Amino acid sequence: MPEEKNKETTGGKEQSDTKQDNIMMPDFIELWKEMYFKTEESWTNTTKELITTRNFIAMLDQIRDQYLSYHKVSEQNLDKYFKLNPVPSKRDLARVAELVIGLEDKIDQLDLQFASNINRITTSLIKLVDYQTALKDEIAALRQENTAISQKLDNLLRAVQGLHEPAASYESRVEINTAPKRKSRKKNETDESK
């Protein structure tokens, strides 16, 4: 009995295989390709004829003109709207951006000039400090020389005064002795001039 069952099951499979072979599914991709290639040439010719006519060109001109007039009107309306409302337009933003860029350039130039001026000032101050220290050293040296010279002059003055005192006493002695003679000479000179 088991053999009979096996035959029946295998026979049933054969019958189902023949039923599947009888049902065919169409290949839609192949059908689409065939339809496309068959209609492509006719659509191409029809489109070429349509494009080359003057009516089509006139229709394109009308569409272009309508679009341009619509664009112009919409731009004017937007400009009016932006004038009435405080919303900046692209032009305003572009103008402000240009001004900001110009300002940034000027700030950069000022920064460079400021840095170069600060560098010049610092070098000048350094030179001034060096000059002042050199000047202080020279002034200190001149003070030392001045004190040395003043000491020498004081010594010379004392020496001259020491020499002058004996000469002064000698001159006073000589003056006392020669004093009347001088007067007489002066009188003689005045008499002779008369």
N, C-alpha and C. Protein backbone atom coordinates (compact mmCIF):
# COMPACT_ATOMS: atom_id res chain seq x y z
N MET A 1 0.78 -1.20 0.00
CA MET A 1 0.00 0.00 0.00
C MET A 1 0.82 1.27 0.00
N PRO A 2 1.85 1.23 0.67
CA PRO A 2 2.64 2.43 0.62
C PRO A 2 3.13 2.73 -0.79
N GLU A 3 3.33 1.74 -1.58
CA GLU A 3 3.78 1.99 -2.95
C GLU A 3 2.70 2.67 -3.76
N GLU A 4 1.49 2.29 -3.54
CA GLU A 4 0.38 2.92 -4.26
C GLU A 4 0.26 4.39 -3.89
N LYS A 5 0.51 4.67 -2.64
CA LYS A 5 0.42 6.07 -2.21
C LYS A 5 1.50 6.91 -2.86
N ASN A 6 2.67 6.34 -3.00
CA ASN A 6 3.78 7.08 -3.62
C ASN A 6 3.47 7.37 -5.08
N LYS A 7 2.87 6.42 -5.76
CA LYS A 7 2.53 6.63 -7.17
C LYS A 7 1.49 7.73 -7.30
N GLU A 8 0.57 7.69 -6.39
CA GLU A 8 -0.48 8.70 -6.46
C GLU A 8 0.10 10.09 -6.21
N THR A 9 0.98 10.21 -5.28
CA THR A 9 1.55 11.53 -4.97
C THR A 9 2.44 12.00 -6.10
N THR A 10 3.18 11.16 -6.72
CA THR A 10 4.03 11.57 -7.83
C THR A 10 3.20 11.87 -9.05
N GLY A 11 2.13 11.15 -9.25
CA GLY A 11 1.24 11.42 -10.39
C GLY A 11 0.55 12.75 -10.21
N GLY A 12 0.25 13.13 -9.00
CA GLY A 12 -0.39 14.41 -8.72
C GLY A 12 0.54 15.57 -9.02
N LYS A 13 1.82 15.37 -8.81
CA LYS A 13 2.79 16.42 -9.09
C LYS A 13 2.92 16.64 -10.58
N GLU A 14 2.84 15.59 -11.32
CA GLU A 14 2.95 15.71 -12.78
C GLU A 14 1.77 16.48 -13.33
N GLN A 15 0.62 16.26 -12.77
CA GLN A 15 -0.57 16.96 -13.24
C GLN A 15 -0.48 18.44 -12.90
N SER A 16 0.04 18.78 -11.73
CA SER A 16 0.16 20.20 -11.35
C SER A 16 1.22 20.90 -12.20
N ASP A 17 2.25 20.19 -12.63
CA ASP A 17 3.28 20.78 -13.49
C ASP A 17 2.70 21.12 -14.85
N THR A 18 1.88 20.32 -15.37
CA THR A 18 1.28 20.61 -16.67
C THR A 18 0.32 21.77 -16.57
N LYS A 19 -0.35 21.92 -15.43
CA LYS A 19 -1.24 23.06 -15.26
C LYS A 19 -0.44 24.37 -15.20
N GLN A 20 0.72 24.33 -14.56
CA GLN A 20 1.56 25.54 -14.47
C GLN A 20 2.11 25.88 -15.84
N ASP A 21 2.41 24.92 -16.64
CA ASP A 21 2.93 25.19 -17.97
C ASP A 21 1.84 25.81 -18.84
N ASN A 22 0.64 25.47 -18.64
CA ASN A 22 -0.46 26.01 -19.43
C ASN A 22 -0.74 27.48 -19.11
N ILE A 23 -0.51 27.94 -17.84
CA ILE A 23 -0.74 29.33 -17.46
C ILE A 23 0.56 30.10 -17.67
N MET A 24 0.51 31.11 -18.55
CA MET A 24 1.70 31.92 -18.84
C MET A 24 1.46 33.35 -18.41
N MET A 25 2.40 33.89 -17.72
CA MET A 25 2.34 35.29 -17.31
C MET A 25 3.04 36.12 -18.38
N PRO A 26 2.43 37.19 -18.80
CA PRO A 26 3.10 38.01 -19.81
C PRO A 26 4.24 38.79 -19.18
N ASP A 27 5.28 39.04 -19.95
CA ASP A 27 6.44 39.83 -19.49
C ASP A 27 6.16 41.30 -19.80
N PHE A 28 5.83 42.05 -18.74
CA PHE A 28 5.42 43.45 -18.93
C PHE A 28 6.57 44.33 -19.42
N ILE A 29 7.75 44.02 -19.02
CA ILE A 29 8.90 44.83 -19.45
C ILE A 29 9.09 44.70 -20.95
N GLU A 30 8.99 43.47 -21.45
CA GLU A 30 9.13 43.26 -22.90
C GLU A 30 8.00 43.95 -23.65
N LEU A 31 6.79 43.86 -23.13
CA LEU A 31 5.66 44.54 -23.77
C LEU A 31 5.88 46.06 -23.81
N TRP A 32 6.37 46.61 -22.71
CA TRP A 32 6.62 48.05 -22.64
C TRP A 32 7.69 48.46 -23.65
N LYS A 33 8.75 47.71 -23.75
CA LYS A 33 9.81 48.01 -24.71
C LYS A 33 9.27 48.00 -26.14
N GLU A 34 8.50 46.96 -26.47
CA GLU A 34 7.94 46.88 -27.82
C GLU A 34 7.06 48.07 -28.12
N MET A 35 6.19 48.42 -27.18
CA MET A 35 5.29 49.54 -27.38
C MET A 35 6.09 50.86 -27.51
N TYR A 36 7.11 51.02 -26.70
CA TYR A 36 7.93 52.24 -26.73
C TYR A 36 8.61 52.40 -28.07
N PHE A 37 9.29 51.36 -28.54
CA PHE A 37 10.03 51.47 -29.79
C PHE A 37 9.09 51.64 -30.99
N LYS A 38 7.90 51.05 -30.93
CA LYS A 38 6.95 51.20 -32.04
C LYS A 38 6.38 52.62 -32.09
N THR A 39 6.13 53.21 -30.92
CA THR A 39 5.52 54.55 -30.90
C THR A 39 6.55 55.68 -30.89
N GLU A 40 7.81 55.37 -30.64
CA GLU A 40 8.84 56.41 -30.55
C GLU A 40 8.99 57.19 -31.84
N GLU A 41 9.05 56.52 -32.91
CA GLU A 41 9.25 57.18 -34.21
C GLU A 41 8.07 58.08 -34.55
N SER A 42 6.85 57.62 -34.31
CA SER A 42 5.67 58.45 -34.64
C SER A 42 5.62 59.68 -33.74
N TRP A 43 5.93 59.53 -32.44
CA TRP A 43 5.96 60.69 -31.54
C TRP A 43 7.08 61.66 -31.90
N THR A 44 8.20 61.14 -32.32
CA THR A 44 9.32 62.00 -32.73
C THR A 44 8.93 62.84 -33.93
N ASN A 45 8.35 62.22 -34.92
CA ASN A 45 7.95 62.96 -36.12
C ASN A 45 6.88 64.01 -35.79
N THR A 46 5.91 63.65 -34.97
CA THR A 46 4.85 64.58 -34.60
C THR A 46 5.42 65.77 -33.82
N THR A 47 6.34 65.51 -32.91
CA THR A 47 6.95 66.58 -32.11
C THR A 47 7.78 67.50 -32.99
N LYS A 48 8.53 66.95 -33.94
CA LYS A 48 9.32 67.77 -34.86
C LYS A 48 8.42 68.68 -35.68
N GLU A 49 7.33 68.14 -36.15
CA GLU A 49 6.40 68.94 -36.95
C GLU A 49 5.82 70.07 -36.09
N LEU A 50 5.49 69.77 -34.84
CA LEU A 50 4.91 70.78 -33.96
C LEU A 50 5.93 71.89 -33.64
N ILE A 51 7.14 71.52 -33.38
CA ILE A 51 8.17 72.50 -33.00
C ILE A 51 8.53 73.41 -34.17
N THR A 52 8.52 72.89 -35.37
CA THR A 52 8.95 73.69 -36.53
C THR A 52 7.86 74.63 -37.06
N THR A 53 6.69 74.57 -36.53
CA THR A 53 5.63 75.45 -37.04
C THR A 53 5.76 76.83 -36.42
N ARG A 54 5.25 77.83 -37.13
CA ARG A 54 5.29 79.21 -36.64
C ARG A 54 4.32 79.42 -35.49
N ASN A 55 3.27 78.68 -35.48
CA ASN A 55 2.31 78.79 -34.36
C ASN A 55 2.96 78.44 -33.04
N PHE A 56 3.81 77.41 -33.03
CA PHE A 56 4.48 77.00 -31.80
C PHE A 56 5.45 78.09 -31.35
N ILE A 57 6.19 78.66 -32.29
CA ILE A 57 7.14 79.74 -31.96
C ILE A 57 6.38 80.96 -31.44
N ALA A 58 5.25 81.30 -32.08
CA ALA A 58 4.44 82.43 -31.60
C ALA A 58 3.91 82.14 -30.20
N MET A 59 3.53 80.90 -29.93
CA MET A 59 3.03 80.53 -28.62
C MET A 59 4.14 80.66 -27.57
N LEU A 60 5.38 80.25 -27.90
CA LEU A 60 6.51 80.40 -26.98
C LEU A 60 6.80 81.87 -26.71
N ASP A 61 6.72 82.71 -27.77
CA ASP A 61 6.93 84.15 -27.58
C ASP A 61 5.89 84.74 -26.63
N GLN A 62 4.63 84.33 -26.81
CA GLN A 62 3.57 84.83 -25.93
C GLN A 62 3.79 84.38 -24.49
N ILE A 63 4.20 83.15 -24.31
CA ILE A 63 4.46 82.63 -22.96
C ILE A 63 5.62 83.40 -22.32
N ARG A 64 6.68 83.64 -23.10
CA ARG A 64 7.84 84.39 -22.59
C ARG A 64 7.43 85.80 -22.19
N ASP A 65 6.68 86.49 -23.08
CA ASP A 65 6.24 87.85 -22.79
C ASP A 65 5.35 87.89 -21.55
N GLN A 66 4.44 86.94 -21.42
CA GLN A 66 3.57 86.90 -20.25
C GLN A 66 4.38 86.65 -18.98
N TYR A 67 5.36 85.76 -19.08
CA TYR A 67 6.19 85.48 -17.91
C TYR A 67 6.99 86.71 -17.51
N LEU A 68 7.59 87.40 -18.49
CA LEU A 68 8.38 88.59 -18.18
C LEU A 68 7.52 89.70 -17.58
N SER A 69 6.32 89.89 -18.14
CA SER A 69 5.44 90.92 -17.59
C SER A 69 4.99 90.54 -16.18
N TYR A 70 4.70 89.27 -15.96
CA TYR A 70 4.33 88.82 -14.62
C TYR A 70 5.49 89.03 -13.65
N HIS A 71 6.69 88.71 -14.10
CA HIS A 71 7.88 88.87 -13.26
C HIS A 71 8.10 90.34 -12.91
N LYS A 72 7.95 91.21 -13.90
CA LYS A 72 8.12 92.65 -13.67
C LYS A 72 7.09 93.17 -12.68
N VAL A 73 5.83 92.78 -12.85
CA VAL A 73 4.76 93.23 -11.96
C VAL A 73 4.99 92.71 -10.54
N SER A 74 5.37 91.45 -10.44
CA SER A 74 5.60 90.88 -9.10
C SER A 74 6.79 91.56 -8.43
N GLU A 75 7.83 91.88 -9.19
CA GLU A 75 8.99 92.58 -8.61
C GLU A 75 8.60 93.98 -8.15
N GLN A 76 7.78 94.69 -8.96
CA GLN A 76 7.32 96.01 -8.55
C GLN A 76 6.46 95.92 -7.29
N ASN A 77 5.58 94.93 -7.24
CA ASN A 77 4.74 94.76 -6.05
C ASN A 77 5.58 94.46 -4.81
N LEU A 78 6.61 93.63 -4.99
CA LEU A 78 7.48 93.33 -3.84
C LEU A 78 8.24 94.57 -3.39
N ASP A 79 8.71 95.37 -4.35
CA ASP A 79 9.40 96.60 -3.99
C ASP A 79 8.48 97.54 -3.22
N LYS A 80 7.24 97.68 -3.68
CA LYS A 80 6.27 98.52 -2.97
C LYS A 80 6.01 97.98 -1.57
N TYR A 81 5.87 96.67 -1.47
CA TYR A 81 5.62 96.05 -0.18
C TYR A 81 6.78 96.32 0.78
N PHE A 82 8.00 96.15 0.28
CA PHE A 82 9.17 96.35 1.14
C PHE A 82 9.38 97.82 1.49
N LYS A 83 8.90 98.74 0.63
CA LYS A 83 8.98 100.15 0.98
C LYS A 83 8.02 100.47 2.12
N LEU A 84 6.86 99.86 2.10
CA LEU A 84 5.86 100.13 3.13
C LEU A 84 6.17 99.40 4.44
N ASN A 85 6.78 98.25 4.36
CA ASN A 85 7.09 97.45 5.55
C ASN A 85 8.59 97.50 5.81
N PRO A 86 8.98 97.50 7.07
CA PRO A 86 10.41 97.61 7.39
C PRO A 86 11.18 96.30 7.27
N VAL A 87 10.94 95.57 6.23
CA VAL A 87 11.66 94.33 5.99
C VAL A 87 12.72 94.62 4.92
N PRO A 88 13.97 94.32 5.20
CA PRO A 88 15.01 94.62 4.21
C PRO A 88 14.92 93.70 3.00
N SER A 89 15.24 94.27 1.86
CA SER A 89 15.25 93.47 0.64
C SER A 89 16.65 92.92 0.40
N LYS A 90 16.80 92.12 -0.63
CA LYS A 90 18.11 91.56 -0.96
C LYS A 90 19.09 92.67 -1.32
N ARG A 91 18.58 93.69 -2.01
CA ARG A 91 19.44 94.81 -2.39
C ARG A 91 19.96 95.53 -1.14
N ASP A 92 19.07 95.73 -0.18
CA ASP A 92 19.48 96.39 1.06
C ASP A 92 20.53 95.57 1.79
N LEU A 93 20.29 94.28 1.87
CA LEU A 93 21.26 93.40 2.54
C LEU A 93 22.60 93.39 1.80
N ALA A 94 22.55 93.38 0.47
CA ALA A 94 23.79 93.39 -0.31
C ALA A 94 24.54 94.70 -0.09
N ARG A 95 23.81 95.82 -0.04
CA ARG A 95 24.44 97.13 0.18
C ARG A 95 25.07 97.18 1.56
N VAL A 96 24.35 96.68 2.57
CA VAL A 96 24.89 96.65 3.92
C VAL A 96 26.11 95.73 3.99
N ALA A 97 26.05 94.61 3.29
CA ALA A 97 27.19 93.69 3.28
C ALA A 97 28.41 94.36 2.66
N GLU A 98 28.22 95.12 1.58
CA GLU A 98 29.33 95.84 0.97
C GLU A 98 29.89 96.87 1.93
N LEU A 99 29.01 97.57 2.64
CA LEU A 99 29.47 98.56 3.61
C LEU A 99 30.25 97.90 4.75
N VAL A 100 29.77 96.75 5.19
CA VAL A 100 30.46 96.04 6.27
C VAL A 100 31.84 95.58 5.81
N ILE A 101 31.91 95.08 4.59
CA ILE A 101 33.20 94.64 4.06
C ILE A 101 34.16 95.82 3.95
N GLY A 102 33.65 96.96 3.46
CA GLY A 102 34.49 98.16 3.39
C GLY A 102 34.95 98.61 4.76
N LEU A 103 34.05 98.52 5.75
CA LEU A 103 34.40 98.89 7.12
C LEU A 103 35.45 97.95 7.69
N GLU A 104 35.31 96.67 7.42
CA GLU A 104 36.31 95.70 7.88
C GLU A 104 37.67 96.00 7.29
N ASP A 105 37.71 96.35 6.00
CA ASP A 105 38.97 96.71 5.35
C ASP A 105 39.60 97.93 6.02
N LYS A 106 38.76 98.94 6.29
CA LYS A 106 39.28 100.15 6.94
C LYS A 106 39.78 99.85 8.34
N ILE A 107 39.05 99.00 9.07
CA ILE A 107 39.50 98.64 10.42
C ILE A 107 40.83 97.89 10.36
N ASP A 108 40.96 97.00 9.38
CA ASP A 108 42.23 96.28 9.22
C ASP A 108 43.37 97.25 8.93
N GLN A 109 43.11 98.23 8.05
CA GLN A 109 44.14 99.23 7.74
C GLN A 109 44.49 100.06 8.97
N LEU A 110 43.46 100.46 9.73
CA LEU A 110 43.72 101.22 10.96
C LEU A 110 44.50 100.39 11.96
N ASP A 111 44.19 99.12 12.05
CA ASP A 111 44.90 98.24 12.96
C ASP A 111 46.37 98.15 12.57
N LEU A 112 46.62 97.99 11.28
CA LEU A 112 48.01 97.92 10.82
C LEU A 112 48.74 99.24 11.07
N GLN A 113 48.07 100.36 10.77
CA GLN A 113 48.68 101.67 11.02
C GLN A 113 48.92 101.88 12.51
N PHE A 114 47.95 101.49 13.33
CA PHE A 114 48.10 101.64 14.77
C PHE A 114 49.28 100.82 15.27
N ALA A 115 49.38 99.60 14.79
CA ALA A 115 50.49 98.73 15.21
C ALA A 115 51.84 99.32 14.77
N SER A 116 51.90 99.82 13.54
CA SER A 116 53.17 100.41 13.09
C SER A 116 53.49 101.68 13.87
N ASN A 117 52.45 102.49 14.18
CA ASN A 117 52.68 103.70 14.97
C ASN A 117 53.13 103.37 16.39
N ILE A 118 52.52 102.35 16.98
CA ILE A 118 52.93 101.93 18.32
C ILE A 118 54.38 101.43 18.29
N ASN A 119 54.74 100.70 17.25
CA ASN A 119 56.12 100.23 17.13
C ASN A 119 57.08 101.41 17.01
N ARG A 120 56.70 102.41 16.20
CA ARG A 120 57.56 103.59 16.07
C ARG A 120 57.68 104.34 17.39
N ILE A 121 56.55 104.47 18.10
CA ILE A 121 56.57 105.19 19.38
C ILE A 121 57.45 104.44 20.38
N THR A 122 57.33 103.12 20.43
CA THR A 122 58.14 102.36 21.39
C THR A 122 59.63 102.47 21.05
N THR A 123 59.98 102.40 19.77
CA THR A 123 61.39 102.55 19.41
C THR A 123 61.88 103.96 19.74
N SER A 124 61.01 104.98 19.52
CA SER A 124 61.40 106.34 19.86
C SER A 124 61.57 106.49 21.37
N LEU A 125 60.67 105.89 22.15
CA LEU A 125 60.79 105.96 23.60
C LEU A 125 62.04 105.24 24.09
N ILE A 126 62.35 104.12 23.48
CA ILE A 126 63.56 103.39 23.86
C ILE A 126 64.79 104.24 23.56
N LYS A 127 64.80 104.88 22.38
CA LYS A 127 65.92 105.76 22.04
C LYS A 127 65.99 106.93 23.01
N LEU A 128 64.83 107.48 23.38
CA LEU A 128 64.78 108.61 24.31
C LEU A 128 65.31 108.21 25.68
N VAL A 129 64.93 107.03 26.14
CA VAL A 129 65.43 106.56 27.43
C VAL A 129 66.94 106.35 27.37
N ASP A 130 67.42 105.76 26.28
CA ASP A 130 68.86 105.57 26.13
C ASP A 130 69.58 106.92 26.11
N TYR A 131 68.98 107.88 25.39
CA TYR A 131 69.59 109.22 25.32
C TYR A 131 69.58 109.88 26.69
N GLN A 132 68.48 109.72 27.45
CA GLN A 132 68.41 110.33 28.77
C GLN A 132 69.42 109.72 29.72
N THR A 133 69.62 108.41 29.65
CA THR A 133 70.63 107.79 30.51
C THR A 133 72.02 108.27 30.12
N ALA A 134 72.25 108.38 28.82
CA ALA A 134 73.55 108.90 28.38
C ALA A 134 73.71 110.36 28.83
N LEU A 135 72.63 111.13 28.73
CA LEU A 135 72.66 112.53 29.15
C LEU A 135 72.89 112.63 30.65
N LYS A 136 72.26 111.77 31.45
CA LYS A 136 72.47 111.77 32.89
C LYS A 136 73.93 111.45 33.21
N ASP A 137 74.48 110.48 32.48
CA ASP A 137 75.89 110.13 32.70
C ASP A 137 76.80 111.31 32.37
N GLU A 138 76.49 112.00 31.25
CA GLU A 138 77.29 113.16 30.86
C GLU A 138 77.13 114.28 31.88
N ILE A 139 75.92 114.50 32.37
CA ILE A 139 75.69 115.55 33.37
C ILE A 139 76.44 115.22 34.66
N ALA A 140 76.41 113.94 35.07
CA ALA A 140 77.14 113.53 36.27
C ALA A 140 78.64 113.75 36.06
N ALA A 141 79.14 113.43 34.87
CA ALA A 141 80.57 113.64 34.58
C ALA A 141 80.89 115.14 34.59
N LEU A 142 79.99 115.95 34.00
CA LEU A 142 80.20 117.40 34.00
C LEU A 142 80.16 117.97 35.42
N ARG A 143 79.29 117.44 36.27
CA ARG A 143 79.24 117.89 37.67
C ARG A 143 80.54 117.57 38.39
N GLN A 144 81.05 116.37 38.13
CA GLN A 144 82.32 116.00 38.75
C GLN A 144 83.43 116.90 38.25
N GLU A 145 83.44 117.16 36.94
CA GLU A 145 84.46 118.06 36.39
C GLU A 145 84.28 119.47 36.95
N ASN A 146 83.02 119.89 37.09
CA ASN A 146 82.73 121.23 37.62
C ASN A 146 83.19 121.34 39.06
N THR A 147 82.91 120.31 39.86
CA THR A 147 83.38 120.35 41.25
C THR A 147 84.90 120.33 41.31
N ALA A 148 85.51 119.55 40.42
CA ALA A 148 86.97 119.52 40.39
C ALA A 148 87.52 120.87 39.99
N ILE A 149 86.89 121.50 38.96
CA ILE A 149 87.35 122.81 38.51
C ILE A 149 87.10 123.86 39.59
N SER A 150 85.94 123.78 40.25
CA SER A 150 85.67 124.76 41.31
C SER A 150 86.64 124.60 42.47
N GLN A 151 87.02 123.35 42.78
CA GLN A 151 88.01 123.14 43.84
C GLN A 151 89.35 123.73 43.42
N LYS A 152 89.70 123.52 42.15
CA LYS A 152 90.96 124.08 41.66
C LYS A 152 90.92 125.60 41.68
N LEU A 153 89.76 126.16 41.28
CA LEU A 153 89.63 127.62 41.30
C LEU A 153 89.68 128.15 42.73
N ASP A 154 89.04 127.43 43.66
CA ASP A 154 89.10 127.84 45.06
C ASP A 154 90.55 127.82 45.54
N ASN A 155 91.24 126.77 45.17
CA ASN A 155 92.65 126.68 45.57
C ASN A 155 93.45 127.81 44.94
N LEU A 156 93.19 128.09 43.64
CA LEU A 156 93.90 129.18 42.97
C LEU A 156 93.53 130.52 43.61
N LEU A 157 92.26 130.71 43.93
CA LEU A 157 91.82 131.95 44.55
C LEU A 157 92.48 132.14 45.91
N ARG A 158 92.57 131.07 46.68
CA ARG A 158 93.25 131.17 47.96
C ARG A 158 94.73 131.50 47.76
N ALA A 159 95.28 130.85 46.74
CA ALA A 159 96.70 131.12 46.48
C ALA A 159 96.90 132.55 46.03
N VAL A 160 95.98 133.01 45.14
CA VAL A 160 96.09 134.39 44.66
C VAL A 160 95.83 135.35 45.81
N GLN A 161 94.88 135.06 46.65
CA GLN A 161 94.61 135.93 47.80
C GLN A 161 95.79 135.92 48.76
N GLY A 162 96.37 134.76 48.91
CA GLY A 162 97.57 134.67 49.77
C GLY A 162 98.69 135.50 49.18
N LEU A 163 98.84 135.49 47.89
CA LEU A 163 99.87 136.30 47.24
C LEU A 163 99.44 137.77 47.20
N HIS A 164 98.21 138.00 47.10
CA HIS A 164 97.69 139.36 46.96
C HIS A 164 97.80 140.12 48.29
N GLU A 165 97.64 139.45 49.42
CA GLU A 165 97.73 140.12 50.70
C GLU A 165 99.13 140.70 50.94
N PRO A 166 100.18 139.94 50.70
CA PRO A 166 101.51 140.59 50.88
C PRO A 166 101.72 141.68 49.84
N ALA A 167 101.19 141.50 48.62
CA ALA A 167 101.35 142.53 47.59
C ALA A 167 100.52 143.74 47.96
N ALA A 168 99.35 143.54 48.54
CA ALA A 168 98.50 144.65 48.95
C ALA A 168 99.16 145.43 50.07
N SER A 169 99.77 144.74 50.99
CA SER A 169 100.46 145.47 52.05
C SER A 169 101.66 146.21 51.49
N TYR A 170 102.31 145.65 50.53
CA TYR A 170 103.43 146.32 49.88
C TYR A 170 102.93 147.53 49.10
N GLU A 171 101.84 147.38 48.40
CA GLU A 171 101.28 148.49 47.62
C GLU A 171 100.80 149.60 48.54
N SER A 172 100.26 149.23 49.66
CA SER A 172 99.82 150.28 50.59
C SER A 172 101.01 151.04 51.14
N ARG A 173 102.08 150.35 51.34
CA ARG A 173 103.30 151.02 51.78
C ARG A 173 103.83 151.91 50.68
N VAL A 174 103.77 151.43 49.50
CA VAL A 174 104.30 152.20 48.38
C VAL A 174 103.38 153.39 48.13
N GLU A 175 102.13 153.22 48.28
CA GLU A 175 101.18 154.30 48.06
C GLU A 175 101.37 155.39 49.09
N ILE A 176 101.63 154.99 50.25
CA ILE A 176 101.83 155.99 51.30
C ILE A 176 103.06 156.81 50.98
N ASN A 177 104.08 156.19 50.56
CA ASN A 177 105.32 156.89 50.24
C ASN A 177 105.20 157.69 48.95
N THR A 178 104.49 157.23 48.01
CA THR A 178 104.43 157.88 46.71
C THR A 178 103.18 158.69 46.55
N ALA A 179 102.36 158.74 47.47
CA ALA A 179 101.10 159.45 47.32
C ALA A 179 101.30 160.94 47.08
N PRO A 180 102.10 161.69 47.82
CA PRO A 180 102.22 163.11 47.52
C PRO A 180 102.88 163.35 46.18
N LYS A 181 103.77 162.53 45.80
CA LYS A 181 104.45 162.73 44.54
C LYS A 181 103.48 162.61 43.38
N ARG A 182 102.60 161.78 43.49
CA ARG A 182 101.65 161.58 42.41
C ARG A 182 100.79 162.81 42.28
N LYS A 183 100.43 163.39 43.36
CA LYS A 183 99.59 164.56 43.31
C LYS A 183 100.34 165.70 42.67
N SER A 184 101.53 165.83 42.96
CA SER A 184 102.30 166.91 42.38
C SER A 184 102.49 166.68 40.90
N ARG A 185 102.66 165.51 40.53
CA ARG A 185 102.82 165.22 39.12
C ARG A 185 101.54 165.55 38.39
N LYS A 186 100.45 165.27 38.99
CA LYS A 186 99.18 165.56 38.36
C LYS A 186 99.02 167.06 38.24
N LYS A 187 99.42 167.75 39.20
CA LYS A 187 99.32 169.20 39.12
C LYS A 187 100.22 169.73 38.04
N ASN A 188 101.42 169.18 37.95
CA ASN A 188 102.37 169.63 36.93
C ASN A 188 101.82 169.32 35.54
N GLU A 189 101.19 168.19 35.40
CA GLU A 189 100.64 167.82 34.12
C GLU A 189 99.51 168.76 33.77
N THR A 190 98.69 169.13 34.71
CA THR A 190 97.59 170.03 34.42
C THR A 190 98.13 171.43 34.14
N ASP A 191 99.18 171.83 34.80
CA ASP A 191 99.77 173.15 34.55
C ASP A 191 100.39 173.18 33.18
N GLU A 192 101.03 172.18 32.79
CA GLU A 192 101.67 172.14 31.49
C GLU A 192 100.66 172.13 30.39
N SER A 193 99.53 171.53 30.57
CA SER A 193 98.51 171.48 29.55
C SER A 193 97.88 172.84 29.35
N LYS A 194 97.93 173.70 30.35
CA LYS A 194 97.36 175.03 30.25
C LYS A 194 98.28 175.86 29.48
